Structure formats: C-alpha cells, structure tokens
Amino acid sequence: MKDYIEERAVEIAQYIIDRKATVRDAARVFKTSKSTVHKDITERLMRINPPLAYSVKKVLNNNKAERHIRGGNATYLKYKMMNKK
C-alpha cells in the first residue's frame, strides 16, 4: 500500500474519533468519496493500526445507532421550515 493512503487512513480515523464525525463528514473534509473513507477505516486501517481501527469502529457503530434520530430531526426541521413560509 502506498504511504499516502496509509497516512490518509490514519488522518481520517483521527478526525472521526476526535469529532465523532460521520463517514459523510469525513469524506467532505478530506475531499474523497464516502466509499473511499469507508474502505480506509474498515479495511486498510485494520492492517495499519488495529487499535485505532477498533476506536473508529466504536464511533461508527454509535453513529449508526443514532442515524434514525438524526434523520427524523432533519425531516422535522424541513417540514417546520416549509410550513413557516
């Protein structure tokens, strides 16, 4: 694996852990696709730094558990704003 890919995977992992960010947030910040971020932190990072990979996995599992709540809030706010106009 190329060095820049390993560095990117570690940087993305640190970003996600520090900010409890989602894959989409990380993809936007690092200007890559969601697929690349996901592959970096689930497959590549496990070979580079397993303890860091487990830490990221905890954050991602938490995000997955909460996503229905975020989606519901987004929908609520959308329709609230539509009815204000």
N, C-alpha and C. Protein backbone atom coordinates (compact mmCIF):
# COMPACT_ATOMS: atom_id res chain seq x y z
N MET A 1 0.85 -1.18 0.00
CA MET A 1 0.00 0.00 0.00
C MET A 1 0.89 1.23 0.00
N LYS A 2 0.47 2.23 -0.73
CA LYS A 2 1.26 3.46 -0.82
C LYS A 2 1.19 4.23 0.49
N ASP A 3 2.26 4.95 0.75
CA ASP A 3 2.37 5.69 2.02
C ASP A 3 1.26 6.72 2.20
N TYR A 4 0.92 7.43 1.12
CA TYR A 4 -0.08 8.49 1.27
C TYR A 4 -1.45 7.90 1.62
N ILE A 5 -1.73 6.69 1.17
CA ILE A 5 -3.00 6.05 1.51
C ILE A 5 -3.03 5.69 2.99
N GLU A 6 -1.93 5.18 3.49
CA GLU A 6 -1.85 4.85 4.91
C GLU A 6 -1.99 6.10 5.77
N GLU A 7 -1.30 7.17 5.37
CA GLU A 7 -1.38 8.43 6.11
C GLU A 7 -2.81 8.96 6.10
N ARG A 8 -3.47 8.89 4.93
CA ARG A 8 -4.84 9.38 4.81
C ARG A 8 -5.77 8.58 5.72
N ALA A 9 -5.59 7.27 5.74
CA ALA A 9 -6.45 6.41 6.57
C ALA A 9 -6.32 6.77 8.05
N VAL A 10 -5.08 7.00 8.50
CA VAL A 10 -4.86 7.36 9.90
C VAL A 10 -5.43 8.75 10.19
N GLU A 11 -5.24 9.70 9.28
CA GLU A 11 -5.77 11.06 9.49
C GLU A 11 -7.29 11.04 9.55
N ILE A 12 -7.90 10.30 8.65
CA ILE A 12 -9.36 10.21 8.65
C ILE A 12 -9.85 9.58 9.96
N ALA A 13 -9.18 8.54 10.39
CA ALA A 13 -9.56 7.88 11.64
C ALA A 13 -9.48 8.85 12.81
N GLN A 14 -8.39 9.60 12.90
CA GLN A 14 -8.24 10.57 13.99
C GLN A 14 -9.33 11.62 13.93
N TYR A 15 -9.66 12.08 12.73
CA TYR A 15 -10.71 13.09 12.56
C TYR A 15 -12.05 12.55 13.07
N ILE A 16 -12.37 11.32 12.68
CA ILE A 16 -13.64 10.72 13.09
C ILE A 16 -13.70 10.54 14.61
N ILE A 17 -12.62 10.09 15.19
CA ILE A 17 -12.59 9.87 16.64
C ILE A 17 -12.68 11.19 17.39
N ASP A 18 -11.88 12.17 16.98
CA ASP A 18 -11.84 13.46 17.69
C ASP A 18 -13.16 14.20 17.64
N ARG A 19 -13.84 14.14 16.49
CA ARG A 19 -15.06 14.93 16.31
C ARG A 19 -16.33 14.10 16.34
N LYS A 20 -16.18 12.78 16.52
CA LYS A 20 -17.31 11.87 16.45
C LYS A 20 -18.07 12.09 15.14
N ALA A 21 -17.31 12.26 14.09
CA ALA A 21 -17.84 12.59 12.77
C ALA A 21 -18.41 11.36 12.08
N THR A 22 -19.25 11.63 11.10
CA THR A 22 -19.79 10.56 10.27
C THR A 22 -18.86 10.34 9.08
N VAL A 23 -19.11 9.28 8.34
CA VAL A 23 -18.33 9.00 7.14
C VAL A 23 -18.53 10.12 6.13
N ARG A 24 -19.75 10.62 6.02
CA ARG A 24 -20.02 11.73 5.09
C ARG A 24 -19.25 12.99 5.47
N ASP A 25 -19.22 13.29 6.76
CA ASP A 25 -18.47 14.46 7.21
C ASP A 25 -16.99 14.33 6.85
N ALA A 26 -16.44 13.18 7.13
CA ALA A 26 -15.02 12.94 6.84
C ALA A 26 -14.75 13.01 5.35
N ALA A 27 -15.63 12.46 4.55
CA ALA A 27 -15.44 12.49 3.10
C ALA A 27 -15.43 13.93 2.59
N ARG A 28 -16.32 14.74 3.13
CA ARG A 28 -16.39 16.14 2.72
C ARG A 28 -15.10 16.88 3.09
N VAL A 29 -14.61 16.67 4.30
CA VAL A 29 -13.41 17.36 4.78
C VAL A 29 -12.17 16.92 4.01
N PHE A 30 -12.05 15.62 3.76
CA PHE A 30 -10.85 15.10 3.10
C PHE A 30 -10.99 15.03 1.58
N LYS A 31 -12.12 15.52 1.07
CA LYS A 31 -12.37 15.60 -0.37
C LYS A 31 -12.18 14.24 -1.07
N THR A 32 -12.80 13.22 -0.49
CA THR A 32 -12.81 11.90 -1.08
C THR A 32 -14.25 11.40 -1.07
N SER A 33 -14.48 10.26 -1.65
CA SER A 33 -15.83 9.70 -1.65
C SER A 33 -16.10 8.99 -0.33
N LYS A 34 -17.39 8.78 -0.07
CA LYS A 34 -17.77 8.03 1.13
C LYS A 34 -17.20 6.62 1.06
N SER A 35 -17.19 6.05 -0.12
CA SER A 35 -16.67 4.69 -0.30
C SER A 35 -15.20 4.60 0.07
N THR A 36 -14.43 5.61 -0.34
CA THR A 36 -13.00 5.63 -0.02
C THR A 36 -12.79 5.74 1.48
N VAL A 37 -13.52 6.63 2.12
CA VAL A 37 -13.40 6.79 3.57
C VAL A 37 -13.76 5.48 4.26
N HIS A 38 -14.84 4.89 3.85
CA HIS A 38 -15.27 3.65 4.49
C HIS A 38 -14.24 2.54 4.30
N LYS A 39 -13.70 2.42 3.10
CA LYS A 39 -12.69 1.39 2.84
C LYS A 39 -11.42 1.67 3.65
N ASP A 40 -11.03 2.94 3.73
CA ASP A 40 -9.84 3.31 4.51
C ASP A 40 -9.98 2.91 5.97
N ILE A 41 -11.12 3.20 6.56
CA ILE A 41 -11.25 3.00 8.00
C ILE A 41 -11.71 1.60 8.39
N THR A 42 -12.27 0.83 7.46
CA THR A 42 -12.71 -0.52 7.83
C THR A 42 -11.72 -1.59 7.38
N GLU A 43 -11.12 -1.44 6.22
CA GLU A 43 -10.22 -2.47 5.71
C GLU A 43 -8.75 -2.10 5.88
N ARG A 44 -8.37 -0.96 5.35
CA ARG A 44 -6.95 -0.59 5.34
C ARG A 44 -6.42 -0.30 6.74
N LEU A 45 -7.21 0.39 7.53
CA LEU A 45 -6.76 0.78 8.87
C LEU A 45 -6.53 -0.44 9.75
N MET A 46 -7.29 -1.49 9.53
CA MET A 46 -7.14 -2.71 10.33
C MET A 46 -5.75 -3.32 10.12
N ARG A 47 -5.20 -3.18 8.93
CA ARG A 47 -3.85 -3.69 8.66
C ARG A 47 -2.78 -2.74 9.17
N ILE A 48 -3.09 -1.45 9.20
CA ILE A 48 -2.10 -0.44 9.59
C ILE A 48 -2.01 -0.30 11.10
N ASN A 49 -3.18 -0.14 11.75
CA ASN A 49 -3.23 0.16 13.17
C ASN A 49 -4.52 -0.41 13.77
N PRO A 50 -4.53 -1.68 14.14
CA PRO A 50 -5.76 -2.30 14.66
C PRO A 50 -6.40 -1.60 15.86
N PRO A 51 -5.64 -1.14 16.86
CA PRO A 51 -6.30 -0.45 17.99
C PRO A 51 -7.05 0.82 17.54
N LEU A 52 -6.47 1.56 16.61
CA LEU A 52 -7.13 2.75 16.09
C LEU A 52 -8.39 2.35 15.32
N ALA A 53 -8.31 1.26 14.59
CA ALA A 53 -9.46 0.77 13.83
C ALA A 53 -10.62 0.43 14.76
N TYR A 54 -10.33 -0.19 15.89
CA TYR A 54 -11.39 -0.52 16.85
C TYR A 54 -12.01 0.73 17.46
N SER A 55 -11.19 1.75 17.69
CA SER A 55 -11.72 3.01 18.22
C SER A 55 -12.66 3.68 17.23
N VAL A 56 -12.27 3.66 15.97
CA VAL A 56 -13.12 4.25 14.93
C VAL A 56 -14.41 3.45 14.81
N LYS A 57 -14.29 2.14 14.90
CA LYS A 57 -15.47 1.28 14.78
C LYS A 57 -16.50 1.61 15.85
N LYS A 58 -16.05 1.93 17.06
CA LYS A 58 -16.97 2.31 18.14
C LYS A 58 -17.76 3.56 17.76
N VAL A 59 -17.06 4.55 17.22
CA VAL A 59 -17.72 5.79 16.83
C VAL A 59 -18.71 5.52 15.70
N LEU A 60 -18.30 4.73 14.71
CA LEU A 60 -19.18 4.43 13.59
C LEU A 60 -20.41 3.64 14.04
N ASN A 61 -20.23 2.71 14.95
CA ASN A 61 -21.38 1.97 15.46
C ASN A 61 -22.34 2.88 16.21
N ASN A 62 -21.80 3.83 16.96
CA ASN A 62 -22.64 4.80 17.66
C ASN A 62 -23.40 5.67 16.65
N ASN A 63 -22.70 6.12 15.60
CA ASN A 63 -23.35 6.93 14.56
C ASN A 63 -24.47 6.14 13.90
N LYS A 64 -24.21 4.86 13.65
CA LYS A 64 -25.22 4.02 13.01
C LYS A 64 -26.45 3.86 13.90
N ALA A 65 -26.21 3.73 15.19
CA ALA A 65 -27.32 3.58 16.13
C ALA A 65 -28.16 4.85 16.24
N GLU A 66 -27.54 6.00 16.01
CA GLU A 66 -28.24 7.28 16.16
C GLU A 66 -28.77 7.85 14.85
N ARG A 67 -28.47 7.24 13.72
CA ARG A 67 -28.81 7.87 12.45
C ARG A 67 -30.30 8.04 12.24
N HIS A 68 -31.12 7.14 12.75
CA HIS A 68 -32.56 7.30 12.58
C HIS A 68 -33.06 8.53 13.34
N ILE A 69 -32.40 8.87 14.42
CA ILE A 69 -32.79 10.06 15.19
C ILE A 69 -32.41 11.31 14.42
N ARG A 70 -31.17 11.34 13.87
CA ARG A 70 -30.75 12.50 13.08
C ARG A 70 -31.65 12.69 11.86
N GLY A 71 -32.01 11.59 11.21
CA GLY A 71 -32.88 11.66 10.04
C GLY A 71 -34.25 12.20 10.40
N GLY A 72 -34.79 11.73 11.52
CA GLY A 72 -36.09 12.21 11.97
C GLY A 72 -36.06 13.70 12.31
N ASN A 73 -34.99 14.14 12.96
CA ASN A 73 -34.86 15.56 13.28
C ASN A 73 -34.74 16.41 12.02
N ALA A 74 -34.00 15.93 11.04
CA ALA A 74 -33.83 16.66 9.79
C ALA A 74 -35.18 16.79 9.08
N THR A 75 -35.95 15.73 9.06
CA THR A 75 -37.26 15.76 8.42
C THR A 75 -38.20 16.72 9.16
N TYR A 76 -38.16 16.66 10.47
CA TYR A 76 -38.98 17.55 11.28
C TYR A 76 -38.66 19.02 10.98
N LEU A 77 -37.36 19.35 10.96
CA LEU A 77 -36.97 20.73 10.68
C LEU A 77 -37.33 21.15 9.27
N LYS A 78 -37.20 20.25 8.32
CA LYS A 78 -37.54 20.56 6.93
C LYS A 78 -39.01 20.97 6.82
N TYR A 79 -39.89 20.16 7.38
CA TYR A 79 -41.31 20.46 7.28
C TYR A 79 -41.73 21.64 8.16
N LYS A 80 -41.02 21.85 9.22
CA LYS A 80 -41.29 23.00 10.07
C LYS A 80 -40.99 24.29 9.31
N MET A 81 -39.86 24.29 8.58
CA MET A 81 -39.47 25.47 7.79
C MET A 81 -40.44 25.67 6.61
N MET A 82 -40.90 24.58 6.02
CA MET A 82 -41.82 24.68 4.89
C MET A 82 -43.16 25.27 5.31
N ASN A 83 -43.58 24.95 6.51
CA ASN A 83 -44.88 25.44 6.99
C ASN A 83 -44.80 26.88 7.48
N LYS A 84 -43.61 27.38 7.75
CA LYS A 84 -43.43 28.76 8.21
C LYS A 84 -43.67 29.75 7.07
N LYS A 85 -43.34 29.34 5.87
CA LYS A 85 -43.40 30.26 4.72
C LYS A 85 -44.79 30.55 4.27
